Amino acid sequence: MARQIAPRYWSAKVTQESFALGLEEGVFTWHDPKRIAESLKRSAEASTRRKAPPFRSAMSMLVFYINRAGRNLDENQKRVLEQAKDELRALYGKG
C-alpha cells in the first residue's frame, strides 16, 4: 500500500482552507489593520463551525498566521498584523 505524502507546509493549507473560519481572499496580505480585524470578526461571527467564541477564533487565526509565517513575513506586514491584533481587541471591547 502506497503512503500519501503530506504537503510540505501544512500551515499554509490551514490558512487557505480553515475549517473554523471562512476567510476572505488575501486577508493577511492587506495593509490596513482595521480592515483585517473587521474581516476576521465578520468571518468568526458568521462561522457555524468554530469551537470557541468569535473573538478567540479570530485572534487565534491571526496569531497562528503570524507565528507560522515567521521569519518569511515582511517586517512591514508583520507590524500591520500586530496592529490588527489591537484593532481586533478594540472591536470586541477587550482592550
PDB file of N, CA and C in Angstrom:
ATOM      1  N   MET A   1       0.847  -1.174   0.000  1.00  0.00           N
ATOM      2  CA  MET A   1       0.000   0.000   0.000  1.00  0.00           C
ATOM      3  C   MET A   1       0.898   1.244   0.000  1.00  0.00           C
ATOM      4  N   ALA A   2       0.651   2.167  -0.904  1.00  0.00           N
ATOM      5  CA  ALA A   2       1.458   3.377  -1.015  1.00  0.00           C
ATOM      6  C   ALA A   2       1.037   4.383   0.047  1.00  0.00           C
ATOM      7  N   ARG A   3       2.029   5.032   0.611  1.00  0.00           N
ATOM      8  CA  ARG A   3       1.762   6.078   1.610  1.00  0.00           C
ATOM      9  C   ARG A   3       1.559   7.408   0.922  1.00  0.00           C
ATOM     10  N   GLN A   4       0.615   8.176   1.444  1.00  0.00           N
ATOM     11  CA  GLN A   4       0.430   9.515   0.912  1.00  0.00           C
ATOM     12  C   GLN A   4       1.491  10.423   1.504  1.00  0.00           C
ATOM     13  N   ILE A   5       1.995  11.308   0.703  1.00  0.00           N
ATOM     14  CA  ILE A   5       2.998  12.258   1.169  1.00  0.00           C
ATOM     15  C   ILE A   5       2.287  13.530   1.594  1.00  0.00           C
ATOM     16  N   ALA A   6       2.583  13.963   2.809  1.00  0.00           N
ATOM     17  CA  ALA A   6       1.969  15.181   3.333  1.00  0.00           C
ATOM     18  C   ALA A   6       2.533  16.401   2.616  1.00  0.00           C
ATOM     19  N   PRO A   7       1.719  17.458   2.452  1.00  0.00           N
ATOM     20  CA  PRO A   7       2.238  18.681   1.855  1.00  0.00           C
ATOM     21  C   PRO A   7       3.389  19.221   2.695  1.00  0.00           C
ATOM     22  N   ARG A   8       4.303  19.895   2.060  1.00  0.00           N
ATOM     23  CA  ARG A   8       5.481  20.383   2.758  1.00  0.00           C
ATOM     24  C   ARG A   8       5.122  21.359   3.868  1.00  0.00           C
ATOM     25  N   TYR A   9       4.197  22.248   3.601  1.00  0.00           N
ATOM     26  CA  TYR A   9       3.815  23.247   4.598  1.00  0.00           C
ATOM     27  C   TYR A   9       2.339  23.091   4.943  1.00  0.00           C
ATOM     28  N   TRP A  10       2.051  22.308   5.964  1.00  0.00           N
ATOM     29  CA  TRP A  10       0.672  22.076   6.382  1.00  0.00           C
ATOM     30  C   TRP A  10       0.031  23.362   6.879  1.00  0.00           C
ATOM     31  N   SER A  11       0.846  24.286   7.412  1.00  0.00           N
ATOM     32  CA  SER A  11       0.279  25.520   7.951  1.00  0.00           C
ATOM     33  C   SER A  11      -0.305  26.396   6.841  1.00  0.00           C
ATOM     34  N   ALA A  12       0.264  26.344   5.659  1.00  0.00           N
ATOM     35  CA  ALA A  12      -0.289  27.106   4.536  1.00  0.00           C
ATOM     36  C   ALA A  12      -1.679  26.596   4.195  1.00  0.00           C
ATOM     37  N   LYS A  13      -1.849  25.296   4.262  1.00  0.00           N
ATOM     38  CA  LYS A  13      -3.157  24.714   3.967  1.00  0.00           C
ATOM     39  C   LYS A  13      -4.191  25.153   5.007  1.00  0.00           C
ATOM     40  N   VAL A  14      -3.767  25.252   6.255  1.00  0.00           N
ATOM     41  CA  VAL A  14      -4.696  25.667   7.314  1.00  0.00           C
ATOM     42  C   VAL A  14      -5.206  27.079   7.060  1.00  0.00           C
ATOM     43  N   THR A  15      -4.313  27.992   6.701  1.00  0.00           N
ATOM     44  CA  THR A  15      -4.755  29.374   6.484  1.00  0.00           C
ATOM     45  C   THR A  15      -5.567  29.510   5.206  1.00  0.00           C
ATOM     46  N   GLN A  16      -5.337  28.629   4.231  1.00  0.00           N
ATOM     47  CA  GLN A  16      -6.101  28.697   2.988  1.00  0.00           C
ATOM     48  C   GLN A  16      -7.445  28.002   3.103  1.00  0.00           C
ATOM     49  N   GLU A  17      -7.507  26.910   3.857  1.00  0.00           N
ATOM     50  CA  GLU A  17      -8.712  26.099   3.913  1.00  0.00           C
ATOM     51  C   GLU A  17      -9.166  25.861   5.350  1.00  0.00           C
ATOM     52  N   SER A  18      -9.195  26.907   6.135  1.00  0.00           N
ATOM     53  CA  SER A  18      -9.577  26.771   7.530  1.00  0.00           C
ATOM     54  C   SER A  18     -10.970  26.177   7.664  1.00  0.00           C
ATOM     55  N   PHE A  19     -11.097  25.182   8.535  1.00  0.00           N
ATOM     56  CA  PHE A  19     -12.405  24.593   8.783  1.00  0.00           C
ATOM     57  C   PHE A  19     -13.188  25.429   9.791  1.00  0.00           C
ATOM     58  N   ALA A  20     -12.502  26.246  10.557  1.00  0.00           N
ATOM     59  CA  ALA A  20     -13.170  27.037  11.582  1.00  0.00           C
ATOM     60  C   ALA A  20     -13.711  28.352  11.036  1.00  0.00           C
ATOM     61  N   LEU A  21     -12.958  28.992  10.167  1.00  0.00           N
ATOM     62  CA  LEU A  21     -13.356  30.298   9.647  1.00  0.00           C
ATOM     63  C   LEU A  21     -13.264  30.324   8.129  1.00  0.00           C
ATOM     64  N   GLY A  22     -14.242  30.930   7.502  1.00  0.00           N
ATOM     65  CA  GLY A  22     -14.187  31.162   6.060  1.00  0.00           C
ATOM     66  C   GLY A  22     -13.543  32.513   5.833  1.00  0.00           C
ATOM     67  N   LEU A  23     -12.248  32.532   5.595  1.00  0.00           N
ATOM     68  CA  LEU A  23     -11.501  33.781   5.473  1.00  0.00           C
ATOM     69  C   LEU A  23     -11.659  34.401   4.089  1.00  0.00           C
ATOM     70  N   GLU A  24     -11.637  35.733   4.057  1.00  0.00           N
ATOM     71  CA  GLU A  24     -11.654  36.429   2.771  1.00  0.00           C
ATOM     72  C   GLU A  24     -10.313  36.212   2.079  1.00  0.00           C
ATOM     73  N   GLU A  25     -10.344  36.204   0.774  1.00  0.00           N
ATOM     74  CA  GLU A  25      -9.142  36.006  -0.037  1.00  0.00           C
ATOM     75  C   GLU A  25      -8.083  37.064   0.293  1.00  0.00           C
ATOM     76  N   GLY A  26      -6.889  36.630   0.636  1.00  0.00           N
ATOM     77  CA  GLY A  26      -5.751  37.523   0.855  1.00  0.00           C
ATOM     78  C   GLY A  26      -5.822  38.389   2.090  1.00  0.00           C
ATOM     79  N   VAL A  27      -6.665  38.040   3.054  1.00  0.00           N
ATOM     80  CA  VAL A  27      -6.872  38.893   4.230  1.00  0.00           C
ATOM     81  C   VAL A  27      -5.566  39.224   4.947  1.00  0.00           C
ATOM     82  N   PHE A  28      -4.629  38.303   4.995  1.00  0.00           N
ATOM     83  CA  PHE A  28      -3.386  38.557   5.730  1.00  0.00           C
ATOM     84  C   PHE A  28      -2.363  39.351   4.920  1.00  0.00           C
ATOM     85  N   THR A  29      -2.686  39.673   3.680  1.00  0.00           N
ATOM     86  CA  THR A  29      -1.773  40.473   2.855  1.00  0.00           C
ATOM     87  C   THR A  29      -2.206  41.932   2.780  1.00  0.00           C
ATOM     88  N   TRP A  30      -3.371  42.243   3.318  1.00  0.00           N
ATOM     89  CA  TRP A  30      -3.857  43.619   3.293  1.00  0.00           C
ATOM     90  C   TRP A  30      -2.967  44.508   4.158  1.00  0.00           C
ATOM     91  N   HIS A  31      -2.988  45.807   3.870  1.00  0.00           N
ATOM     92  CA  HIS A  31      -2.121  46.748   4.582  1.00  0.00           C
ATOM     93  C   HIS A  31      -2.868  47.631   5.579  1.00  0.00           C
ATOM     94  N   ASP A  32      -4.143  47.369   5.785  1.00  0.00           N
ATOM     95  CA  ASP A  32      -4.950  48.157   6.715  1.00  0.00           C
ATOM     96  C   ASP A  32      -5.358  47.276   7.902  1.00  0.00           C
ATOM     97  N   PRO A  33      -4.757  47.505   9.086  1.00  0.00           N
ATOM     98  CA  PRO A  33      -5.043  46.658  10.238  1.00  0.00           C
ATOM     99  C   PRO A  33      -6.520  46.621  10.627  1.00  0.00           C
ATOM    100  N   LYS A  34      -7.196  47.752  10.497  1.00  0.00           N
ATOM    101  CA  LYS A  34      -8.619  47.806  10.858  1.00  0.00           C
ATOM    102  C   LYS A  34      -9.442  46.941   9.906  1.00  0.00           C
ATOM    103  N   ARG A  35      -9.113  46.988   8.636  1.00  0.00           N
ATOM    104  CA  ARG A  35      -9.820  46.174   7.639  1.00  0.00           C
ATOM    105  C   ARG A  35      -9.598  44.680   7.900  1.00  0.00           C
ATOM    106  N   ILE A  36      -8.380  44.314   8.253  1.00  0.00           N
ATOM    107  CA  ILE A  36      -8.063  42.916   8.571  1.00  0.00           C
ATOM    108  C   ILE A  36      -8.887  42.465   9.773  1.00  0.00           C
ATOM    109  N   ALA A  37      -8.884  43.289  10.827  1.00  0.00           N
ATOM    110  CA  ALA A  37      -9.614  42.951  12.051  1.00  0.00           C
ATOM    111  C   ALA A  37     -11.110  42.826  11.781  1.00  0.00           C
ATOM    112  N   GLU A  38     -11.664  43.741  11.009  1.00  0.00           N
ATOM    113  CA  GLU A  38     -13.097  43.692  10.700  1.00  0.00           C
ATOM    114  C   GLU A  38     -13.442  42.442   9.887  1.00  0.00           C
ATOM    115  N   SER A  39     -12.568  42.077   8.966  1.00  0.00           N
ATOM    116  CA  SER A  39     -12.799  40.878   8.168  1.00  0.00           C
ATOM    117  C   SER A  39     -12.750  39.619   9.032  1.00  0.00           C
ATOM    118  N   LEU A  40     -11.762  39.537   9.917  1.00  0.00           N
ATOM    119  CA  LEU A  40     -11.663  38.392  10.818  1.00  0.00           C
ATOM    120  C   LEU A  40     -12.884  38.312  11.731  1.00  0.00           C
ATOM    121  N   LYS A  41     -13.352  39.469  12.188  1.00  0.00           N
ATOM    122  CA  LYS A  41     -14.532  39.493  13.052  1.00  0.00           C
ATOM    123  C   LYS A  41     -15.756  38.981  12.297  1.00  0.00           C
ATOM    124  N   ARG A  42     -15.949  39.476  11.074  1.00  0.00           N
ATOM    125  CA  ARG A  42     -17.083  39.013  10.256  1.00  0.00           C
ATOM    126  C   ARG A  42     -17.005  37.508  10.026  1.00  0.00           C
ATOM    127  N   SER A  43     -15.816  37.022   9.697  1.00  0.00           N
ATOM    128  CA  SER A  43     -15.642  35.588   9.434  1.00  0.00           C
ATOM    129  C   SER A  43     -15.942  34.753  10.674  1.00  0.00           C
ATOM    130  N   ALA A  44     -15.446  35.208  11.817  1.00  0.00           N
ATOM    131  CA  ALA A  44     -15.639  34.461  13.063  1.00  0.00           C
ATOM    132  C   ALA A  44     -17.106  34.451  13.475  1.00  0.00           C
ATOM    133  N   GLU A  45     -17.778  35.567  13.328  1.00  0.00           N
ATOM    134  CA  GLU A  45     -19.176  35.644  13.746  1.00  0.00           C
ATOM    135  C   GLU A  45     -20.102  34.907  12.788  1.00  0.00           C
ATOM    136  N   ALA A  46     -19.708  34.801  11.535  1.00  0.00           N
ATOM    137  CA  ALA A  46     -20.542  34.104  10.549  1.00  0.00           C
ATOM    138  C   ALA A  46     -20.323  32.594  10.573  1.00  0.00           C
ATOM    139  N   SER A  47     -19.221  32.166  11.144  1.00  0.00           N
ATOM    140  CA  SER A  47     -18.879  30.746  11.130  1.00  0.00           C
ATOM    141  C   SER A  47     -19.811  29.921  12.007  1.00  0.00           C
ATOM    142  N   THR A  48     -20.218  28.798  11.472  1.00  0.00           N
ATOM    143  CA  THR A  48     -21.019  27.851  12.252  1.00  0.00           C
ATOM    144  C   THR A  48     -20.160  26.663  12.678  1.00  0.00           C
ATOM    145  N   ARG A  49     -18.884  26.685  12.287  1.00  0.00           N
ATOM    146  CA  ARG A  49     -18.004  25.554  12.569  1.00  0.00           C
ATOM    147  C   ARG A  49     -17.001  25.816  13.685  1.00  0.00           C
ATOM    148  N   ARG A  50     -16.956  27.027  14.181  1.00  0.00           N
ATOM    149  CA  ARG A  50     -15.951  27.335  15.203  1.00  0.00           C
ATOM    150  C   ARG A  50     -16.305  26.668  16.522  1.00  0.00           C
ATOM    151  N   LYS A  51     -15.270  26.411  17.326  1.00  0.00           N
ATOM    152  CA  LYS A  51     -15.470  25.733  18.604  1.00  0.00           C
ATOM    153  C   LYS A  51     -15.281  26.669  19.791  1.00  0.00           C
ATOM    154  N   ALA A  52     -14.868  27.888  19.525  1.00  0.00           N
ATOM    155  CA  ALA A  52     -14.613  28.875  20.576  1.00  0.00           C
ATOM    156  C   ALA A  52     -15.447  30.122  20.275  1.00  0.00           C
ATOM    157  N   PRO A  53     -15.523  31.044  21.223  1.00  0.00           N
ATOM    158  CA  PRO A  53     -16.222  32.310  20.956  1.00  0.00           C
ATOM    159  C   PRO A  53     -15.578  33.044  19.771  1.00  0.00           C
ATOM    160  N   PRO A  54     -16.332  33.910  19.100  1.00  0.00           N
ATOM    161  CA  PRO A  54     -15.816  34.591  17.909  1.00  0.00           C
ATOM    162  C   PRO A  54     -14.481  35.317  18.128  1.00  0.00           C
ATOM    163  N   PHE A  55     -14.354  36.044  19.234  1.00  0.00           N
ATOM    164  CA  PHE A  55     -13.104  36.766  19.473  1.00  0.00           C
ATOM    165  C   PHE A  55     -11.918  35.812  19.505  1.00  0.00           C
ATOM    166  N   ARG A  56     -12.056  34.742  20.251  1.00  0.00           N
ATOM    167  CA  ARG A  56     -10.958  33.778  20.372  1.00  0.00           C
ATOM    168  C   ARG A  56     -10.622  33.118  19.047  1.00  0.00           C
ATOM    169  N   SER A  57     -11.629  32.799  18.266  1.00  0.00           N
ATOM    170  CA  SER A  57     -11.397  32.184  16.961  1.00  0.00           C
ATOM    171  C   SER A  57     -10.651  33.128  16.022  1.00  0.00           C
ATOM    172  N   ALA A  58     -11.102  34.386  15.982  1.00  0.00           N
ATOM    173  CA  ALA A  58     -10.467  35.367  15.104  1.00  0.00           C
ATOM    174  C   ALA A  58      -9.028  35.633  15.532  1.00  0.00           C
ATOM    175  N   MET A  59      -8.828  35.820  16.832  1.00  0.00           N
ATOM    176  CA  MET A  59      -7.478  36.100  17.331  1.00  0.00           C
ATOM    177  C   MET A  59      -6.560  34.899  17.116  1.00  0.00           C
ATOM    178  N   SER A  60      -7.084  33.712  17.325  1.00  0.00           N
ATOM    179  CA  SER A  60      -6.278  32.500  17.135  1.00  0.00           C
ATOM    180  C   SER A  60      -5.803  32.371  15.703  1.00  0.00           C
ATOM    181  N   MET A  61      -6.673  32.648  14.754  1.00  0.00           N
ATOM    182  CA  MET A  61      -6.276  32.538  13.349  1.00  0.00           C
ATOM    183  C   MET A  61      -5.217  33.583  13.006  1.00  0.00           C
ATOM    184  N   LEU A  62      -5.360  34.782  13.530  1.00  0.00           N
ATOM    185  CA  LEU A  62      -4.378  35.836  13.279  1.00  0.00           C
ATOM    186  C   LEU A  62      -3.025  35.484  13.885  1.00  0.00           C
ATOM    187  N   VAL A  63      -3.022  35.060  15.125  1.00  0.00           N
ATOM    188  CA  VAL A  63      -1.770  34.682  15.800  1.00  0.00           C
ATOM    189  C   VAL A  63      -1.137  33.474  15.116  1.00  0.00           C
ATOM    190  N   PHE A  64      -1.956  32.514  14.719  1.00  0.00           N
ATOM    191  CA  PHE A  64      -1.453  31.343  14.012  1.00  0.00           C
ATOM    192  C   PHE A  64      -0.719  31.767  12.750  1.00  0.00           C
ATOM    193  N   TYR A  65      -1.327  32.672  11.984  1.00  0.00           N
ATOM    194  CA  TYR A  65      -0.692  33.111  10.745  1.00  0.00           C
ATOM    195  C   TYR A  65       0.626  33.831  11.026  1.00  0.00           C
ATOM    196  N   ILE A  66       0.633  34.726  12.004  1.00  0.00           N
ATOM    197  CA  ILE A  66       1.866  35.462  12.340  1.00  0.00           C
ATOM    198  C   ILE A  66       2.963  34.493  12.753  1.00  0.00           C
ATOM    199  N   ASN A  67       2.633  33.539  13.607  1.00  0.00           N
ATOM    200  CA  ASN A  67       3.629  32.580  14.083  1.00  0.00           C
ATOM    201  C   ASN A  67       4.130  31.667  12.972  1.00  0.00           C
ATOM    202  N   ARG A  68       3.245  31.215  12.119  1.00  0.00           N
ATOM    203  CA  ARG A  68       3.642  30.283  11.064  1.00  0.00           C
ATOM    204  C   ARG A  68       4.374  30.971   9.928  1.00  0.00           C
ATOM    205  N   ALA A  69       4.052  32.227   9.650  1.00  0.00           N
ATOM    206  CA  ALA A  69       4.762  32.946   8.592  1.00  0.00           C
ATOM    207  C   ALA A  69       6.195  33.229   9.038  1.00  0.00           C
ATOM    208  N   GLY A  70       6.350  33.433  10.347  1.00  0.00           N
ATOM    209  CA  GLY A  70       7.674  33.563  10.957  1.00  0.00           C
ATOM    210  C   GLY A  70       8.625  34.514  10.273  1.00  0.00           C
ATOM    211  N   ARG A  71       9.822  34.036  10.049  1.00  0.00           N
ATOM    212  CA  ARG A  71      10.867  34.901   9.500  1.00  0.00           C
ATOM    213  C   ARG A  71      10.632  35.247   8.035  1.00  0.00           C
ATOM    214  N   ASN A  72       9.721  34.551   7.378  1.00  0.00           N
ATOM    215  CA  ASN A  72       9.424  34.852   5.976  1.00  0.00           C
ATOM    216  C   ASN A  72       8.463  36.026   5.822  1.00  0.00           C
ATOM    217  N   LEU A  73       7.928  36.494   6.933  1.00  0.00           N
ATOM    218  CA  LEU A  73       6.973  37.600   6.904  1.00  0.00           C
ATOM    219  C   LEU A  73       7.730  38.925   6.850  1.00  0.00           C
ATOM    220  N   ASP A  74       7.372  39.749   5.892  1.00  0.00           N
ATOM    221  CA  ASP A  74       7.964  41.075   5.736  1.00  0.00           C
ATOM    222  C   ASP A  74       7.743  41.890   7.020  1.00  0.00           C
ATOM    223  N   GLU A  75       8.741  42.643   7.447  1.00  0.00           N
ATOM    224  CA  GLU A  75       8.648  43.418   8.698  1.00  0.00           C
ATOM    225  C   GLU A  75       7.465  44.383   8.696  1.00  0.00           C
ATOM    226  N   ASN A  76       7.240  45.054   7.566  1.00  0.00           N
ATOM    227  CA  ASN A  76       6.116  45.988   7.498  1.00  0.00           C
ATOM    228  C   ASN A  76       4.786  45.261   7.644  1.00  0.00           C
ATOM    229  N   GLN A  77       4.655  44.097   6.996  1.00  0.00           N
ATOM    230  CA  GLN A  77       3.405  43.347   7.091  1.00  0.00           C
ATOM    231  C   GLN A  77       3.231  42.772   8.491  1.00  0.00           C
ATOM    232  N   LYS A  78       4.328  42.363   9.114  1.00  0.00           N
ATOM    233  CA  LYS A  78       4.237  41.859  10.483  1.00  0.00           C
ATOM    234  C   LYS A  78       3.729  42.960  11.413  1.00  0.00           C
ATOM    235  N   ARG A  79       4.213  44.170  11.203  1.00  0.00           N
ATOM    236  CA  ARG A  79       3.765  45.308  12.015  1.00  0.00           C
ATOM    237  C   ARG A  79       2.266  45.552  11.801  1.00  0.00           C
ATOM    238  N   VAL A  80       1.803  45.465  10.552  1.00  0.00           N
ATOM    239  CA  VAL A  80       0.383  45.643  10.247  1.00  0.00           C
ATOM    240  C   VAL A  80      -0.451  44.565  10.952  1.00  0.00           C
ATOM    241  N   LEU A  81       0.022  43.319  10.908  1.00  0.00           N
ATOM    242  CA  LEU A  81      -0.724  42.229  11.538  1.00  0.00           C
ATOM    243  C   LEU A  81      -0.739  42.359  13.060  1.00  0.00           C
ATOM    244  N   GLU A  82       0.349  42.835  13.636  1.00  0.00           N
ATOM    245  CA  GLU A  82       0.373  43.081  15.087  1.00  0.00           C
ATOM    246  C   GLU A  82      -0.619  44.188  15.445  1.00  0.00           C
ATOM    247  N   GLN A  83      -0.719  45.212  14.607  1.00  0.00           N
ATOM    248  CA  GLN A  83      -1.688  46.283  14.837  1.00  0.00           C
ATOM    249  C   GLN A  83      -3.115  45.755  14.679  1.00  0.00           C
ATOM    250  N   ALA A  84      -3.287  44.776  13.783  1.00  0.00           N
ATOM    251  CA  ALA A  84      -4.613  44.181  13.587  1.00  0.00           C
ATOM    252  C   ALA A  84      -5.069  43.469  14.853  1.00  0.00           C
ATOM    253  N   LYS A  85      -4.130  42.915  15.614  1.00  0.00           N
ATOM    254  CA  LYS A  85      -4.490  42.288  16.887  1.00  0.00           C
ATOM    255  C   LYS A  85      -5.091  43.328  17.829  1.00  0.00           C
ATOM    256  N   ASP A  86      -4.474  44.503  17.887  1.00  0.00           N
ATOM    257  CA  ASP A  86      -5.003  45.579  18.736  1.00  0.00           C
ATOM    258  C   ASP A  86      -6.379  46.033  18.247  1.00  0.00           C
ATOM    259  N   GLU A  87      -6.532  46.138  16.929  1.00  0.00           N
ATOM    260  CA  GLU A  87      -7.824  46.539  16.352  1.00  0.00           C
ATOM    261  C   GLU A  87      -8.907  45.509  16.672  1.00  0.00           C
ATOM    262  N   LEU A  88      -8.544  44.236  16.615  1.00  0.00           N
ATOM    263  CA  LEU A  88      -9.495  43.172  16.920  1.00  0.00           C
ATOM    264  C   LEU A  88      -9.928  43.241  18.377  1.00  0.00           C
ATOM    265  N   ARG A  89      -8.964  43.477  19.262  1.00  0.00           N
ATOM    266  CA  ARG A  89      -9.308  43.647  20.691  1.00  0.00           C
ATOM    267  C   ARG A  89     -10.274  44.806  20.876  1.00  0.00           C
ATOM    268  N   ALA A  90     -10.011  45.915  20.175  1.00  0.00           N
ATOM    269  CA  ALA A  90     -10.865  47.087  20.297  1.00  0.00           C
ATOM    270  C   ALA A  90     -12.277  46.805  19.771  1.00  0.00           C
ATOM    271  N   LEU A  91     -12.378  46.086  18.660  1.00  0.00           N
ATOM    272  CA  LEU A  91     -13.695  45.747  18.103  1.00  0.00           C
ATOM    273  C   LEU A  91     -14.534  44.925  19.064  1.00  0.00           C
ATOM    274  N   TYR A  92     -13.867  44.103  19.872  1.00  0.00           N
ATOM    275  CA  TYR A  92     -14.573  43.244  20.829  1.00  0.00           C
ATOM    276  C   TYR A  92     -14.573  43.831  22.242  1.00  0.00           C
ATOM    277  N   GLY A  93     -14.044  45.044  22.405  1.00  0.00           N
ATOM    278  CA  GLY A  93     -14.032  45.667  23.723  1.00  0.00           C
ATOM    279  C   GLY A  93     -13.150  44.953  24.715  1.00  0.00           C
ATOM    280  N   LYS A  94     -12.048  44.401  24.250  1.00  0.00           N
ATOM    281  CA  LYS A  94     -11.140  43.637  25.093  1.00  0.00           C
ATOM    282  C   LYS A  94      -9.830  44.379  25.317  1.00  0.00           C
ATOM    283  N   GLY A  95      -9.862  45.691  25.269  1.00  0.00           N
ATOM    284  CA  GLY A  95      -8.624  46.450  25.323  1.00  0.00           C
ATOM    285  C   GLY A  95      -8.198  46.831  26.663  1.00  0.00           C
TER     286      GLY A  95
END
